[in-house]
Structure formats: C-alpha cells, structure tokens
Amino acid sequence: MSSATQGSNDCRVRGNKSDKTRRSWSTREEEVLLTALKELVVQGWKSDNGFRAGYLYKLEEAMKKEFPSTDLKGMPHINSKTTTWKKNYHSLSAMLNRSGVGFNLKGTHMIDCNDEQWEQIVKCDANAKLMRFKSWPHLDAWREIFGKDRATGENAEDVMDAVNELHQSQDVFQLIPEGDHYVPTHEEPFTEDVAEDSVSQNQRE
C-alpha cells in the first residue's frame, strides 16, 4: 500500500471516529441531564474549579436510569454537552452584564440588543457570534449549575429582572454615554465573598 493510500485511509478512519462523538439530543434527554447536574450541585459535587472526578459516571448512571436503552456515554457525549453548555453560559453572562443588553423581554429567551452593541459583543467573544437570534431557555438552570452566585430564597434578586430593568431604564433616560461599555469577566458580578464582605463592613459600622 502506498503512503498516499495509507494517509487517505488514516483520514477516513479519524473522520469516522469523530462522527461517532456527535449525537443529537432530544429535549427530554437535555431536561434529564440538567436535573442530574443540579442534583450533583446540591449533593456537593461541585467546587469553584468545577465538578469532582467521577461526575460523568454519575451523570451517565442518571441517564441510563431514565433511558435504559440509551447509547449516551459520559465520554464523549455528556462531556461534550456540558462543555458546550458551560461555554454558552459564560458567553451569555458576559453579554448580559453589558449596559443596554436585555434578555427574554418578549418571552422568547432571546438576547435583546442593537446592532452596535452586538458588534462590540462579538469583538470580545467569538463564541457569541451565532447566539443572537437563538433561544436560550436553559439559562436559569445553567446559572444554578455553572454559576458562582449561590444566592437563594425569597430575598434573592432575580438576575434577569435586574438586567432587563437596567436595559429599559437606559433606553428611557440614556444614563450611559454612547460607546461606553463595561466588559465583565466570566464570573458572576455578585458572589458570596462580596456578600460576606458587605455584611462584615455593616456590622463594623
């Protein structure tokens, strides 16, 4: 066999192997995976650096329990899905922290911004390029799973309401000069550490 033929076969084999990692997920499968991920968070499987070793096996077990004949595996299927979800969550969090950017204003779970704002978003995050006209119904669940803000209970402010309030008030009063943009990190803007520091300061006063 010539080296050219061998190389062609190698490419074909690698291509077939890559195709096996791709799989379309049903809506129900995604819902079950989201529920399983949230349960792992509650059970203490998540740290600041991500989930503990073995979490993919736990998720695979949860999927098999709900779908006994499923072909979903921790690697590569569940790992690929959770990695994509986390990347999209960080992109959404970053863009929604920008001034004038709203979300789900019409009940469609879509991003709301003008063309100039979107151009600035894409310049900072290449992953956001195809996100503008898609619906993101899992954002709240992703925040529970991938976010660092642990605020819960009746006194916890809904982040999306706050974002949309700011978006609407800026449309009316033009509080932010045109062209000024706050570029956030991938972390949530309000974390437990900030809350604890604030409480400590108030107690000292």
C-alpha atoms as a PDB file:
ATOM      1  CA  MET A   1       0.000   0.000   0.000  1.00  0.00           C
ATOM      2  CA  SER A   2       1.375   3.397  -0.955  1.00  0.00           C
ATOM      3  CA  SER A   3       1.943   6.098   1.639  1.00  0.00           C
ATOM      4  CA  ALA A   4      -0.664   8.251  -0.129  1.00  0.00           C
ATOM      5  CA  THR A   5      -3.273   5.487   0.152  1.00  0.00           C
ATOM      6  CA  GLN A   6      -2.348   4.849   3.775  1.00  0.00           C
ATOM      7  CA  GLY A   7      -2.718   8.540   4.571  1.00  0.00           C
ATOM      8  CA  SER A   8      -6.117   8.629   2.894  1.00  0.00           C
ATOM      9  CA  ASN A   9      -7.279   5.646   4.943  1.00  0.00           C
ATOM     10  CA  ASP A  10      -5.987   7.246   8.139  1.00  0.00           C
ATOM     11  CA  CYS A  11      -8.008  10.386   7.424  1.00  0.00           C
ATOM     12  CA  ARG A  12     -11.115   8.318   6.728  1.00  0.00           C
ATOM     13  CA  VAL A  13     -10.753   6.364   9.960  1.00  0.00           C
ATOM     14  CA  ARG A  14     -10.228   9.503  12.001  1.00  0.00           C
ATOM     15  CA  GLY A  15     -13.240  11.107  10.360  1.00  0.00           C
ATOM     16  CA  ASN A  16     -15.468   8.140  11.204  1.00  0.00           C
ATOM     17  CA  LYS A  17     -14.256   8.154  14.778  1.00  0.00           C
ATOM     18  CA  SER A  18     -15.019  11.857  15.084  1.00  0.00           C
ATOM     19  CA  ASP A  19     -18.532  11.330  13.712  1.00  0.00           C
ATOM     20  CA  LYS A  20     -19.263   8.817  16.483  1.00  0.00           C
ATOM     21  CA  THR A  21     -18.843  11.546  19.102  1.00  0.00           C
ATOM     22  CA  ARG A  22     -21.604  13.623  17.530  1.00  0.00           C
ATOM     23  CA  ARG A  23     -25.142  12.938  18.655  1.00  0.00           C
ATOM     24  CA  SER A  24     -28.428  14.810  18.547  1.00  0.00           C
ATOM     25  CA  TRP A  25     -30.075  15.151  21.952  1.00  0.00           C
ATOM     26  CA  SER A  26     -33.835  15.110  22.461  1.00  0.00           C
ATOM     27  CA  THR A  27     -35.498  17.785  24.588  1.00  0.00           C
ATOM     28  CA  ARG A  28     -36.312  15.170  27.230  1.00  0.00           C
ATOM     29  CA  GLU A  29     -32.707  13.946  27.359  1.00  0.00           C
ATOM     30  CA  GLU A  30     -31.483  17.502  27.908  1.00  0.00           C
ATOM     31  CA  GLU A  31     -34.037  18.028  30.684  1.00  0.00           C
ATOM     32  CA  VAL A  32     -32.926  14.852  32.469  1.00  0.00           C
ATOM     33  CA  LEU A  33     -29.260  15.846  32.182  1.00  0.00           C
ATOM     34  CA  LEU A  34     -29.993  19.320  33.580  1.00  0.00           C
ATOM     35  CA  THR A  35     -31.861  17.791  36.522  1.00  0.00           C
ATOM     36  CA  ALA A  36     -29.000  15.363  37.201  1.00  0.00           C
ATOM     37  CA  LEU A  37     -26.444  18.190  37.101  1.00  0.00           C
ATOM     38  CA  LYS A  38     -28.466  20.281  39.558  1.00  0.00           C
ATOM     39  CA  GLU A  39     -28.714  17.283  41.886  1.00  0.00           C
ATOM     40  CA  LEU A  40     -24.921  16.897  41.816  1.00  0.00           C
ATOM     41  CA  VAL A  41     -24.546  20.569  42.759  1.00  0.00           C
ATOM     42  CA  VAL A  42     -26.905  20.102  45.721  1.00  0.00           C
ATOM     43  CA  GLN A  43     -25.015  16.961  46.777  1.00  0.00           C
ATOM     44  CA  GLY A  44     -21.714  18.859  46.900  1.00  0.00           C
ATOM     45  CA  TRP A  45     -20.073  17.508  43.764  1.00  0.00           C
ATOM     46  CA  LYS A  46     -19.176  20.978  42.537  1.00  0.00           C
ATOM     47  CA  SER A  47     -16.289  23.171  43.682  1.00  0.00           C
ATOM     48  CA  ASP A  48     -15.004  26.526  42.447  1.00  0.00           C
ATOM     49  CA  ASN A  49     -12.854  24.661  39.923  1.00  0.00           C
ATOM     50  CA  GLY A  50     -15.675  22.552  38.503  1.00  0.00           C
ATOM     51  CA  PHE A  51     -17.127  19.134  39.245  1.00  0.00           C
ATOM     52  CA  ARG A  52     -15.214  16.432  41.115  1.00  0.00           C
ATOM     53  CA  ALA A  53     -13.709  13.444  39.342  1.00  0.00           C
ATOM     54  CA  GLY A  54     -16.327  10.799  38.677  1.00  0.00           C
ATOM     55  CA  TYR A  55     -19.185  13.182  37.952  1.00  0.00           C
ATOM     56  CA  LEU A  56     -19.509  11.984  34.350  1.00  0.00           C
ATOM     57  CA  TYR A  57     -20.099   8.445  35.596  1.00  0.00           C
ATOM     58  CA  LYS A  58     -22.831   9.721  37.938  1.00  0.00           C
ATOM     59  CA  LEU A  59     -24.476  11.578  35.058  1.00  0.00           C
ATOM     60  CA  GLU A  60     -24.239   8.529  32.801  1.00  0.00           C
ATOM     61  CA  GLU A  61     -25.961   6.474  35.512  1.00  0.00           C
ATOM     62  CA  ALA A  62     -28.742   9.052  35.770  1.00  0.00           C
ATOM     63  CA  MET A  63     -29.307   8.955  32.016  1.00  0.00           C
ATOM     64  CA  LYS A  64     -29.397   5.135  31.972  1.00  0.00           C
ATOM     65  CA  LYS A  65     -31.904   5.120  34.825  1.00  0.00           C
ATOM     66  CA  GLU A  66     -34.280   7.312  32.821  1.00  0.00           C
ATOM     67  CA  PHE A  67     -33.440   5.797  29.423  1.00  0.00           C
ATOM     68  CA  PRO A  68     -32.364   2.139  29.952  1.00  0.00           C
ATOM     69  CA  SER A  69     -31.512   1.578  26.286  1.00  0.00           C
ATOM     70  CA  THR A  70     -29.670   4.870  25.779  1.00  0.00           C
ATOM     71  CA  ASP A  71     -26.360   4.975  23.946  1.00  0.00           C
ATOM     72  CA  LEU A  72     -25.275   8.136  25.792  1.00  0.00           C
ATOM     73  CA  LYS A  73     -21.886   7.827  27.495  1.00  0.00           C
ATOM     74  CA  GLY A  74     -20.064  10.084  29.918  1.00  0.00           C
ATOM     75  CA  MET A  75     -17.294  10.341  27.351  1.00  0.00           C
ATOM     76  CA  PRO A  76     -17.710  11.736  24.826  1.00  0.00           C
ATOM     77  CA  HIS A  77     -21.428  12.610  24.736  1.00  0.00           C
ATOM     78  CA  ILE A  78     -22.187  14.025  28.202  1.00  0.00           C
ATOM     79  CA  ASN A  79     -18.794  15.686  28.494  1.00  0.00           C
ATOM     80  CA  SER A  80     -19.280  17.368  25.112  1.00  0.00           C
ATOM     81  CA  LYS A  81     -22.785  18.566  26.003  1.00  0.00           C
ATOM     82  CA  THR A  82     -21.823  20.001  29.404  1.00  0.00           C
ATOM     83  CA  THR A  83     -18.717  21.689  27.966  1.00  0.00           C
ATOM     84  CA  THR A  84     -20.824  23.386  25.287  1.00  0.00           C
ATOM     85  CA  TRP A  85     -23.448  24.437  27.817  1.00  0.00           C
ATOM     86  CA  LYS A  86     -20.810  25.929  30.123  1.00  0.00           C
ATOM     87  CA  LYS A  87     -19.185  27.868  27.277  1.00  0.00           C
ATOM     88  CA  ASN A  88     -22.549  29.274  26.179  1.00  0.00           C
ATOM     89  CA  TYR A  89     -23.474  30.140  29.771  1.00  0.00           C
ATOM     90  CA  HIS A  90     -20.296  32.182  30.215  1.00  0.00           C
ATOM     91  CA  SER A  91     -20.896  33.967  26.912  1.00  0.00           C
ATOM     92  CA  LEU A  92     -24.471  34.830  27.896  1.00  0.00           C
ATOM     93  CA  SER A  93     -23.443  36.001  31.368  1.00  0.00           C
ATOM     94  CA  ALA A  94     -20.766  38.265  29.941  1.00  0.00           C
ATOM     95  CA  MET A  95     -23.002  39.891  27.335  1.00  0.00           C
ATOM     96  CA  LEU A  96     -25.916  40.350  29.771  1.00  0.00           C
ATOM     97  CA  ASN A  97     -23.617  42.258  32.117  1.00  0.00           C
ATOM     98  CA  ARG A  98     -23.134  44.868  29.399  1.00  0.00           C
ATOM     99  CA  SER A  99     -25.095  48.097  29.560  1.00  0.00           C
ATOM    100  CA  GLY A 100     -28.260  48.120  27.482  1.00  0.00           C
ATOM    101  CA  VAL A 101     -28.395  44.382  26.760  1.00  0.00           C
ATOM    102  CA  GLY A 102     -31.635  42.655  27.758  1.00  0.00           C
ATOM    103  CA  PHE A 103     -32.900  39.078  27.755  1.00  0.00           C
ATOM    104  CA  ASN A 104     -36.271  37.382  27.346  1.00  0.00           C
ATOM    105  CA  LEU A 105     -38.091  40.719  27.051  1.00  0.00           C
ATOM    106  CA  LYS A 106     -40.725  39.115  24.795  1.00  0.00           C
ATOM    107  CA  GLY A 107     -40.831  35.697  26.461  1.00  0.00           C
ATOM    108  CA  THR A 108     -38.638  34.133  23.777  1.00  0.00           C
ATOM    109  CA  HIS A 109     -35.479  33.614  25.882  1.00  0.00           C
ATOM    110  CA  MET A 110     -33.522  35.573  23.300  1.00  0.00           C
ATOM    111  CA  ILE A 111     -30.895  38.305  23.599  1.00  0.00           C
ATOM    112  CA  ASP A 112     -32.132  41.870  23.079  1.00  0.00           C
ATOM    113  CA  CYS A 113     -29.660  44.488  21.878  1.00  0.00           C
ATOM    114  CA  ASN A 114     -28.963  46.775  18.938  1.00  0.00           C
ATOM    115  CA  ASP A 115     -26.526  46.111  16.098  1.00  0.00           C
ATOM    116  CA  GLU A 116     -23.801  48.335  17.541  1.00  0.00           C
ATOM    117  CA  GLN A 117     -23.920  46.551  20.892  1.00  0.00           C
ATOM    118  CA  TRP A 118     -23.813  43.163  19.175  1.00  0.00           C
ATOM    119  CA  GLU A 119     -20.769  44.177  17.159  1.00  0.00           C
ATOM    120  CA  GLN A 120     -18.935  45.003  20.396  1.00  0.00           C
ATOM    121  CA  ILE A 121     -20.016  41.704  21.979  1.00  0.00           C
ATOM    122  CA  VAL A 122     -18.707  39.619  19.088  1.00  0.00           C
ATOM    123  CA  LYS A 123     -15.398  41.502  19.111  1.00  0.00           C
ATOM    124  CA  CYS A 124     -14.846  40.367  22.700  1.00  0.00           C
ATOM    125  CA  ASP A 125     -16.235  36.829  22.395  1.00  0.00           C
ATOM    126  CA  ALA A 126     -16.028  34.795  19.194  1.00  0.00           C
ATOM    127  CA  ASN A 127     -18.271  32.119  20.739  1.00  0.00           C
ATOM    128  CA  ALA A 128     -21.140  34.628  20.794  1.00  0.00           C
ATOM    129  CA  LYS A 129     -21.153  35.072  17.021  1.00  0.00           C
ATOM    130  CA  LEU A 130     -24.130  32.774  16.332  1.00  0.00           C
ATOM    131  CA  MET A 131     -26.010  33.328  19.606  1.00  0.00           C
ATOM    132  CA  ARG A 132     -28.022  36.474  18.911  1.00  0.00           C
ATOM    133  CA  PHE A 133     -31.091  35.004  17.222  1.00  0.00           C
ATOM    134  CA  LYS A 134     -31.254  31.731  19.148  1.00  0.00           C
ATOM    135  CA  SER A 135     -33.474  30.945  22.122  1.00  0.00           C
ATOM    136  CA  TRP A 136     -31.754  30.092  25.426  1.00  0.00           C
ATOM    137  CA  PRO A 137     -34.426  28.536  27.676  1.00  0.00           C
ATOM    138  CA  HIS A 138     -31.878  26.779  29.911  1.00  0.00           C
ATOM    139  CA  LEU A 139     -30.124  29.931  31.156  1.00  0.00           C
ATOM    140  CA  ASP A 140     -31.626  29.818  34.662  1.00  0.00           C
ATOM    141  CA  ALA A 141     -30.701  26.141  35.021  1.00  0.00           C
ATOM    142  CA  TRP A 142     -27.183  26.842  33.742  1.00  0.00           C
ATOM    143  CA  ARG A 143     -26.807  29.561  36.363  1.00  0.00           C
ATOM    144  CA  GLU A 144     -27.601  27.030  39.097  1.00  0.00           C
ATOM    145  CA  ILE A 145     -25.127  24.549  37.636  1.00  0.00           C
ATOM    146  CA  PHE A 146     -22.228  26.646  36.356  1.00  0.00           C
ATOM    147  CA  GLY A 147     -22.631  29.982  38.153  1.00  0.00           C
ATOM    148  CA  LYS A 148     -20.790  31.008  41.289  1.00  0.00           C
ATOM    149  CA  ASP A 149     -23.633  33.060  42.805  1.00  0.00           C
ATOM    150  CA  ARG A 150     -25.290  30.919  45.469  1.00  0.00           C
ATOM    151  CA  ALA A 151     -27.978  33.496  46.389  1.00  0.00           C
ATOM    152  CA  THR A 152     -31.239  31.647  47.089  1.00  0.00           C
ATOM    153  CA  GLY A 153     -34.545  32.184  48.855  1.00  0.00           C
ATOM    154  CA  GLU A 154     -37.204  34.878  48.799  1.00  0.00           C
ATOM    155  CA  ASN A 155     -34.708  37.736  49.192  1.00  0.00           C
ATOM    156  CA  ALA A 156     -32.543  36.674  46.246  1.00  0.00           C
ATOM    157  CA  GLU A 157     -32.942  39.148  43.376  1.00  0.00           C
ATOM    158  CA  ASP A 158     -33.755  37.636  40.009  1.00  0.00           C
ATOM    159  CA  VAL A 159     -30.766  38.492  37.852  1.00  0.00           C
ATOM    160  CA  MET A 160     -32.715  38.621  34.599  1.00  0.00           C
ATOM    161  CA  ASP A 161     -35.248  41.056  36.070  1.00  0.00           C
ATOM    162  CA  ALA A 162     -32.382  43.281  37.179  1.00  0.00           C
ATOM    163  CA  VAL A 163     -30.757  43.120  33.741  1.00  0.00           C
ATOM    164  CA  ASN A 164     -33.994  43.966  31.957  1.00  0.00           C
ATOM    165  CA  GLU A 165     -34.821  46.795  34.378  1.00  0.00           C
ATOM    166  CA  LEU A 166     -31.432  48.343  33.694  1.00  0.00           C
ATOM    167  CA  HIS A 167     -31.888  47.820  29.971  1.00  0.00           C
ATOM    168  CA  GLN A 168     -35.281  49.559  29.965  1.00  0.00           C
ATOM    169  CA  SER A 169     -34.213  52.465  32.185  1.00  0.00           C
ATOM    170  CA  GLN A 170     -31.213  53.164  29.967  1.00  0.00           C
ATOM    171  CA  ASP A 171     -33.479  53.205  26.915  1.00  0.00           C
ATOM    172  CA  VAL A 172     -35.592  55.922  28.583  1.00  0.00           C
ATOM    173  CA  PHE A 173     -33.037  58.065  30.378  1.00  0.00           C
ATOM    174  CA  GLN A 174     -29.868  57.369  28.386  1.00  0.00           C
ATOM    175  CA  LEU A 175     -27.798  57.086  31.571  1.00  0.00           C
ATOM    176  CA  ILE A 176     -24.808  55.508  29.847  1.00  0.00           C
ATOM    177  CA  PRO A 177     -22.859  57.630  27.308  1.00  0.00           C
ATOM    178  CA  GLU A 178     -22.858  56.083  23.862  1.00  0.00           C
ATOM    179  CA  GLY A 179     -19.770  53.989  23.228  1.00  0.00           C
ATOM    180  CA  ASP A 180     -19.006  53.237  26.886  1.00  0.00           C
ATOM    181  CA  HIS A 181     -19.092  49.523  27.583  1.00  0.00           C
ATOM    182  CA  TYR A 182     -18.390  47.542  30.716  1.00  0.00           C
ATOM    183  CA  VAL A 183     -16.514  44.383  29.793  1.00  0.00           C
ATOM    184  CA  PRO A 184     -17.034  41.800  32.568  1.00  0.00           C
ATOM    185  CA  THR A 185     -15.112  38.662  33.418  1.00  0.00           C
ATOM    186  CA  HIS A 186     -16.698  35.237  33.158  1.00  0.00           C
ATOM    187  CA  GLU A 187     -17.539  35.275  36.883  1.00  0.00           C
ATOM    188  CA  GLU A 188     -20.886  36.371  38.264  1.00  0.00           C
ATOM    189  CA  PRO A 189     -20.951  40.057  39.289  1.00  0.00           C
ATOM    190  CA  PHE A 190     -22.150  39.315  42.845  1.00  0.00           C
ATOM    191  CA  THR A 191     -20.722  36.390  44.762  1.00  0.00           C
ATOM    192  CA  GLU A 192     -20.833  35.025  48.288  1.00  0.00           C
ATOM    193  CA  ASP A 193     -17.482  36.629  49.087  1.00  0.00           C
ATOM    194  CA  VAL A 194     -18.799  40.059  48.168  1.00  0.00           C
ATOM    195  CA  ALA A 195     -21.910  39.488  50.250  1.00  0.00           C
ATOM    196  CA  GLU A 196     -19.859  38.414  53.281  1.00  0.00           C
ATOM    197  CA  ASP A 197     -17.563  41.445  52.988  1.00  0.00           C
ATOM    198  CA  SER A 198     -20.587  43.739  52.797  1.00  0.00           C
ATOM    199  CA  VAL A 199     -22.182  42.182  55.877  1.00  0.00           C
ATOM    200  CA  SER A 200     -18.913  42.411  57.834  1.00  0.00           C
ATOM    201  CA  GLN A 201     -18.494  46.075  56.925  1.00  0.00           C
ATOM    202  CA  ASN A 202     -22.059  46.892  58.001  1.00  0.00           C
ATOM    203  CA  GLN A 203     -21.512  45.145  61.325  1.00  0.00           C
ATOM    204  CA  ARG A 204     -18.347  47.155  61.965  1.00  0.00           C
ATOM    205  CA  GLU A 205     -20.209  50.402  61.239  1.00  0.00           C
END
